[in-house]
Amino acid sequence: MNKKNIFLILAGAILILPMLASAQVTVSGMVSAAVSTAFYIADGVVVILWVVTGILFLIAQGAPDKLTSARKALFAAVIGTVVVIVANSAVYLVGNAFNLPVS
């Protein structure tokens, strides 16, 4: 087993254990908790991407090679933001279509 698989298993256990302890174990509740946690993590990653992009532009000070890497980081931040927004919208639309609890 590689480290990525172990991390994913532990992350899944961390998401499921609080629900098992409170005895409110439903599939929709577990999925809702996992989705909301994933979106919290994705939002944090997007914020970090924007902060790093800003720092890269400040550090560049007009140097063409540094500006190129800052532009690449800006592109990644914009794409990441769009992906998170589209994913959140898709989860909301699918949840409403199937009358699932959407948080």
C-alpha atoms as a PDB file:
ATOM      1  CA  MET A   1       0.000   0.000   0.000  1.00  0.00           C
ATOM      2  CA  ASN A   2       1.345   3.376  -0.880  1.00  0.00           C
ATOM      3  CA  LYS A   3       1.085   6.503   1.239  1.00  0.00           C
ATOM      4  CA  LYS A   4      -1.739   8.008  -0.827  1.00  0.00           C
ATOM      5  CA  ASN A   5      -4.035   5.031  -0.203  1.00  0.00           C
ATOM      6  CA  ILE A   6      -3.305   5.065   3.517  1.00  0.00           C
ATOM      7  CA  PHE A   7      -4.052   8.802   3.651  1.00  0.00           C
ATOM      8  CA  LEU A   8      -7.364   8.345   1.812  1.00  0.00           C
ATOM      9  CA  ILE A   9      -8.423   5.515   4.131  1.00  0.00           C
ATOM     10  CA  LEU A  10      -7.591   7.565   7.225  1.00  0.00           C
ATOM     11  CA  ALA A  11      -9.383  10.619   5.822  1.00  0.00           C
ATOM     12  CA  GLY A  12     -12.478   8.498   5.170  1.00  0.00           C
ATOM     13  CA  ALA A  13     -12.362   7.106   8.694  1.00  0.00           C
ATOM     14  CA  ILE A  14     -12.078  10.599  10.138  1.00  0.00           C
ATOM     15  CA  LEU A  15     -15.172  11.649   8.181  1.00  0.00           C
ATOM     16  CA  ILE A  16     -17.226   8.625   9.253  1.00  0.00           C
ATOM     17  CA  LEU A  17     -16.265   8.186  12.932  1.00  0.00           C
ATOM     18  CA  PRO A  18     -18.077  11.253  14.339  1.00  0.00           C
ATOM     19  CA  MET A  19     -21.315  10.162  12.705  1.00  0.00           C
ATOM     20  CA  LEU A  20     -20.961   6.642  14.100  1.00  0.00           C
ATOM     21  CA  ALA A  21     -20.374   8.017  17.576  1.00  0.00           C
ATOM     22  CA  SER A  22     -23.516  10.163  17.474  1.00  0.00           C
ATOM     23  CA  ALA A  23     -25.588   7.162  16.243  1.00  0.00           C
ATOM     24  CA  GLN A  24     -26.999   9.108  13.316  1.00  0.00           C
ATOM     25  CA  VAL A  25     -25.764   6.765  10.641  1.00  0.00           C
ATOM     26  CA  THR A  26     -27.558   7.263   7.372  1.00  0.00           C
ATOM     27  CA  VAL A  27     -26.074   7.045   3.924  1.00  0.00           C
ATOM     28  CA  SER A  28     -27.351  10.471   2.957  1.00  0.00           C
ATOM     29  CA  GLY A  29     -25.961  11.950   6.174  1.00  0.00           C
ATOM     30  CA  MET A  30     -22.548  10.411   5.582  1.00  0.00           C
ATOM     31  CA  VAL A  31     -22.484  11.575   1.965  1.00  0.00           C
ATOM     32  CA  SER A  32     -23.588  15.058   2.990  1.00  0.00           C
ATOM     33  CA  ALA A  33     -20.849  15.248   5.622  1.00  0.00           C
ATOM     34  CA  ALA A  34     -18.222  13.997   3.188  1.00  0.00           C
ATOM     35  CA  VAL A  35     -19.293  16.459   0.483  1.00  0.00           C
ATOM     36  CA  SER A  36     -19.374  19.443   2.827  1.00  0.00           C
ATOM     37  CA  THR A  37     -15.964  18.512   4.246  1.00  0.00           C
ATOM     38  CA  ALA A  38     -14.551  18.148   0.737  1.00  0.00           C
ATOM     39  CA  PHE A  39     -15.868  21.590  -0.170  1.00  0.00           C
ATOM     40  CA  TYR A  40     -14.367  23.127   2.976  1.00  0.00           C
ATOM     41  CA  ILE A  41     -11.005  21.642   2.038  1.00  0.00           C
ATOM     42  CA  ALA A  42     -11.358  22.768  -1.592  1.00  0.00           C
ATOM     43  CA  ASP A  43     -12.266  26.300  -0.481  1.00  0.00           C
ATOM     44  CA  GLY A  44      -9.170  26.402   1.706  1.00  0.00           C
ATOM     45  CA  VAL A  45      -6.975  25.211  -1.147  1.00  0.00           C
ATOM     46  CA  VAL A  46      -8.419  27.880  -3.463  1.00  0.00           C
ATOM     47  CA  VAL A  47      -7.743  30.614  -0.909  1.00  0.00           C
ATOM     48  CA  ILE A  48      -4.172  29.370  -0.492  1.00  0.00           C
ATOM     49  CA  LEU A  49      -3.740  29.366  -4.290  1.00  0.00           C
ATOM     50  CA  TRP A  50      -4.867  32.999  -4.499  1.00  0.00           C
ATOM     51  CA  VAL A  51      -2.548  34.051  -1.673  1.00  0.00           C
ATOM     52  CA  VAL A  52       0.427  32.271  -3.251  1.00  0.00           C
ATOM     53  CA  THR A  53      -0.405  33.870  -6.606  1.00  0.00           C
ATOM     54  CA  GLY A  54      -0.431  37.321  -5.045  1.00  0.00           C
ATOM     55  CA  ILE A  55       2.879  36.676  -3.325  1.00  0.00           C
ATOM     56  CA  LEU A  56       4.404  35.454  -6.600  1.00  0.00           C
ATOM     57  CA  PHE A  57       3.327  38.649  -8.362  1.00  0.00           C
ATOM     58  CA  LEU A  58       4.781  40.751  -5.559  1.00  0.00           C
ATOM     59  CA  ILE A  59       8.064  38.853  -5.619  1.00  0.00           C
ATOM     60  CA  ALA A  60       8.325  39.002  -9.446  1.00  0.00           C
ATOM     61  CA  GLN A  61       9.060  42.763  -9.524  1.00  0.00           C
ATOM     62  CA  GLY A  62       8.920  42.827 -13.317  1.00  0.00           C
ATOM     63  CA  ALA A  63      11.287  39.903 -13.976  1.00  0.00           C
ATOM     64  CA  PRO A  64       9.936  38.106 -17.073  1.00  0.00           C
ATOM     65  CA  ASP A  65      10.670  34.563 -15.885  1.00  0.00           C
ATOM     66  CA  LYS A  66       9.099  35.165 -12.479  1.00  0.00           C
ATOM     67  CA  LEU A  67       6.082  36.846 -14.091  1.00  0.00           C
ATOM     68  CA  THR A  68       5.595  33.764 -16.247  1.00  0.00           C
ATOM     69  CA  SER A  69       5.409  31.513 -13.192  1.00  0.00           C
ATOM     70  CA  ALA A  70       3.090  34.011 -11.483  1.00  0.00           C
ATOM     71  CA  ARG A  71       0.790  34.004 -14.532  1.00  0.00           C
ATOM     72  CA  LYS A  72       0.733  30.195 -14.468  1.00  0.00           C
ATOM     73  CA  ALA A  73      -0.211  30.313 -10.790  1.00  0.00           C
ATOM     74  CA  LEU A  74      -2.936  32.860 -11.571  1.00  0.00           C
ATOM     75  CA  PHE A  75      -4.297  30.574 -14.281  1.00  0.00           C
ATOM     76  CA  ALA A  76      -4.300  27.644 -11.843  1.00  0.00           C
ATOM     77  CA  ALA A  77      -6.070  29.733  -9.198  1.00  0.00           C
ATOM     78  CA  VAL A  78      -8.766  30.856 -11.633  1.00  0.00           C
ATOM     79  CA  ILE A  79      -9.320  27.320 -12.946  1.00  0.00           C
ATOM     80  CA  GLY A  80      -9.422  25.941  -9.385  1.00  0.00           C
ATOM     81  CA  THR A  81     -11.964  28.544  -8.352  1.00  0.00           C
ATOM     82  CA  VAL A  82     -14.159  27.776 -11.368  1.00  0.00           C
ATOM     83  CA  VAL A  83     -13.934  24.026 -10.722  1.00  0.00           C
ATOM     84  CA  VAL A  84     -14.974  24.434  -7.077  1.00  0.00           C
ATOM     85  CA  ILE A  85     -17.893  26.698  -8.001  1.00  0.00           C
ATOM     86  CA  VAL A  86     -19.103  24.358 -10.759  1.00  0.00           C
ATOM     87  CA  ALA A  87     -18.754  21.299  -8.505  1.00  0.00           C
ATOM     88  CA  ASN A  88     -20.678  23.005  -5.712  1.00  0.00           C
ATOM     89  CA  SER A  89     -23.417  23.994  -8.150  1.00  0.00           C
ATOM     90  CA  ALA A  90     -23.584  20.475  -9.580  1.00  0.00           C
ATOM     91  CA  VAL A  91     -23.938  18.941  -6.122  1.00  0.00           C
ATOM     92  CA  TYR A  92     -26.692  21.422  -5.282  1.00  0.00           C
ATOM     93  CA  LEU A  93     -28.574  20.779  -8.542  1.00  0.00           C
ATOM     94  CA  VAL A  94     -28.323  16.992  -8.288  1.00  0.00           C
ATOM     95  CA  GLY A  95     -29.334  17.107  -4.625  1.00  0.00           C
ATOM     96  CA  ASN A  96     -32.407  19.161  -5.428  1.00  0.00           C
ATOM     97  CA  ALA A  97     -33.284  16.946  -8.394  1.00  0.00           C
ATOM     98  CA  PHE A  98     -33.349  13.843  -6.185  1.00  0.00           C
ATOM     99  CA  ASN A  99     -34.791  15.576  -3.091  1.00  0.00           C
ATOM    100  CA  LEU A 100     -31.638  14.939  -1.060  1.00  0.00           C
ATOM    101  CA  PRO A 101     -30.592  17.109   1.870  1.00  0.00           C
ATOM    102  CA  VAL A 102     -28.226  19.700   0.458  1.00  0.00           C
ATOM    103  CA  SER A 103     -26.135  21.585   2.959  1.00  0.00           C
END
